[in-house]
C-alpha atoms as a PDB file:
ATOM      1  CA  ASP A   1      80.159 127.616  90.675  1.00  0.00           C
ATOM      2  CA  LEU A   2      84.257 127.016  89.477  1.00  0.00           C
ATOM      3  CA  PRO A   3      85.673 128.151  86.128  1.00  0.00           C
ATOM      4  CA  ALA A   4      86.201 125.364  84.223  1.00  0.00           C
ATOM      5  CA  GLU A   5      90.278 125.793  83.963  1.00  0.00           C
ATOM      6  CA  ILE A   6      90.192 125.765  88.123  1.00  0.00           C
ATOM      7  CA  ALA A   7      87.532 123.189  88.321  1.00  0.00           C
ATOM      8  CA  ALA A   8      89.273 121.036  85.571  1.00  0.00           C
ATOM      9  CA  SER A   9      92.528 120.997  87.905  1.00  0.00           C
ATOM     10  CA  LEU A  10      90.919 120.324  91.008  1.00  0.00           C
ATOM     11  CA  ALA A  11      89.476 117.522  89.536  1.00  0.00           C
ATOM     12  CA  ALA A  12      93.033 116.105  88.184  1.00  0.00           C
ATOM     13  CA  SER A  13      94.159 116.788  91.748  1.00  0.00           C
ATOM     14  CA  ILE A  14      91.547 114.852  93.769  1.00  0.00           C
ATOM     15  CA  ASP A  15      92.093 112.265  90.670  1.00  0.00           C
ATOM     16  CA  ASP A  16      96.043 112.081  91.685  1.00  0.00           C
ATOM     17  CA  ILE A  17      94.991 112.215  95.860  1.00  0.00           C
ATOM     18  CA  ILE A  18      93.091 109.086  95.253  1.00  0.00           C
ATOM     19  CA  LEU A  19      95.018 107.130  92.987  1.00  0.00           C
ATOM     20  CA  ALA A  20      98.141 107.707  95.659  1.00  0.00           C
ATOM     21  CA  LYS A  21      96.135 106.516  98.703  1.00  0.00           C
ATOM     22  CA  ARG A  22      94.407 104.175  97.428  1.00  0.00           C
ATOM     23  CA  LYS A  23      95.641 100.058  98.236  1.00  0.00           C
ATOM     24  CA  VAL A  24      93.808  96.549  98.129  1.00  0.00           C
ATOM     25  CA  ASP A  25      90.630  96.645  99.294  1.00  0.00           C
ATOM     26  CA  TRP A  26      90.252 100.309 100.278  1.00  0.00           C
ATOM     27  CA  VAL A  27      87.127 100.450  99.199  1.00  0.00           C
ATOM     28  CA  ALA A  28      86.122  98.394 102.323  1.00  0.00           C
ATOM     29  CA  ASP A  29      88.811 100.792 104.279  1.00  0.00           C
ATOM     30  CA  VAL A  30      87.339 103.468 106.139  1.00  0.00           C
ATOM     31  CA  ASP A  31      90.692 104.786 107.278  1.00  0.00           C
ATOM     32  CA  VAL A  32      92.131 104.985 104.088  1.00  0.00           C
ATOM     33  CA  GLN A  33      89.068 106.955 102.784  1.00  0.00           C
ATOM     34  CA  ASN A  34      89.292 109.109 105.405  1.00  0.00           C
ATOM     35  CA  GLN A  35      92.917 109.692 104.680  1.00  0.00           C
ATOM     36  CA  MET A  36      91.355 110.201 101.152  1.00  0.00           C
ATOM     37  CA  LYS A  37      88.972 112.908 102.267  1.00  0.00           C
ATOM     38  CA  ILE A  38      91.587 114.893 105.053  1.00  0.00           C
ATOM     39  CA  ALA A  39      93.945 115.230 101.416  1.00  0.00           C
ATOM     40  CA  ILE A  40      91.269 116.503  99.311  1.00  0.00           C
ATOM     41  CA  GLU A  41      89.933 118.901 101.987  1.00  0.00           C
ATOM     42  CA  ASP A  42      93.373 120.357 101.978  1.00  0.00           C
ATOM     43  CA  GLU A  43      93.516 120.534  98.516  1.00  0.00           C
ATOM     44  CA  LEU A  44      90.237 122.501  98.876  1.00  0.00           C
ATOM     45  CA  PHE A  45      91.446 124.621 101.203  1.00  0.00           C
ATOM     46  CA  ALA A  46      94.549 125.336  99.612  1.00  0.00           C
ATOM     47  CA  LEU A  47      92.050 126.437  96.353  1.00  0.00           C
ATOM     48  CA  LYS A  48      90.486 128.510  98.516  1.00  0.00           C
ATOM     49  CA  GLN A  49      93.525 130.736  99.714  1.00  0.00           C
ATOM     50  CA  ALA A  50      95.289 130.844  96.071  1.00  0.00           C
ATOM     51  CA  GLN A  51      92.344 131.799  94.175  1.00  0.00           C
ATOM     52  CA  GLY A  52      90.130 133.123  97.274  1.00  0.00           C
ATOM     53  CA  ILE A  53      87.296 130.790  96.688  1.00  0.00           C
ATOM     54  CA  ASN A  54      84.690 130.803  99.311  1.00  0.00           C
ATOM     55  CA  PHE A  55      83.579 126.855  99.914  1.00  0.00           C
ATOM     56  CA  LYS A  56      81.158 126.890 102.626  1.00  0.00           C
ATOM     57  CA  TYR A  57      81.619 123.634 104.712  1.00  0.00           C
ATOM     58  CA  ASP A  58      78.415 121.872 104.328  1.00  0.00           C
ATOM     59  CA  THR A  59      79.310 122.100 100.513  1.00  0.00           C
ATOM     60  CA  ILE A  60      82.761 120.733 101.337  1.00  0.00           C
ATOM     61  CA  ASP A  61      81.028 117.591 103.307  1.00  0.00           C
ATOM     62  CA  ARG A  62      79.074 117.424  99.903  1.00  0.00           C
ATOM     63  CA  VAL A  63      82.043 117.175  97.927  1.00  0.00           C
ATOM     64  CA  LEU A  64      84.101 115.133  99.890  1.00  0.00           C
ATOM     65  CA  ASP A  65      81.041 112.586 100.532  1.00  0.00           C
ATOM     66  CA  ARG A  66      80.752 112.346  96.766  1.00  0.00           C
ATOM     67  CA  VAL A  67      83.654 111.991  95.219  1.00  0.00           C
ATOM     68  CA  ILE A  68      84.620 109.047  97.522  1.00  0.00           C
ATOM     69  CA  ASP A  69      81.305 107.409  96.674  1.00  0.00           C
ATOM     70  CA  ILE A  70      82.147 107.879  92.868  1.00  0.00           C
ATOM     71  CA  ALA A  71      86.118 106.363  93.572  1.00  0.00           C
ATOM     72  CA  ARG A  72      84.465 103.578  95.027  1.00  0.00           C
ATOM     73  CA  ARG A  73      82.654 102.523  92.268  1.00  0.00           C
ATOM     74  CA  ARG A  74      84.840 103.496  89.607  1.00  0.00           C
ATOM     75  CA  VAL A  75      88.429 103.233  90.776  1.00  0.00           C
ATOM     76  CA  PRO A  76      90.119  99.741  91.736  1.00  0.00           C
END
């Protein structure tokens, strides 16, 4: 449970990462998806340090998988 302002900022950062890392046929490219996951994970750890928010590793894994799954459907 993140405060709304932090959650919105995080969502915008994740969206920026996905848009920056995508390329033609990225949906089928596991390497690009892994690059996205690494960048998003870095963003989560930066947030953890800056805000003192404690993310569990299994929560991070679920977030990464879910974000990529949603992006596959919505980002061309």
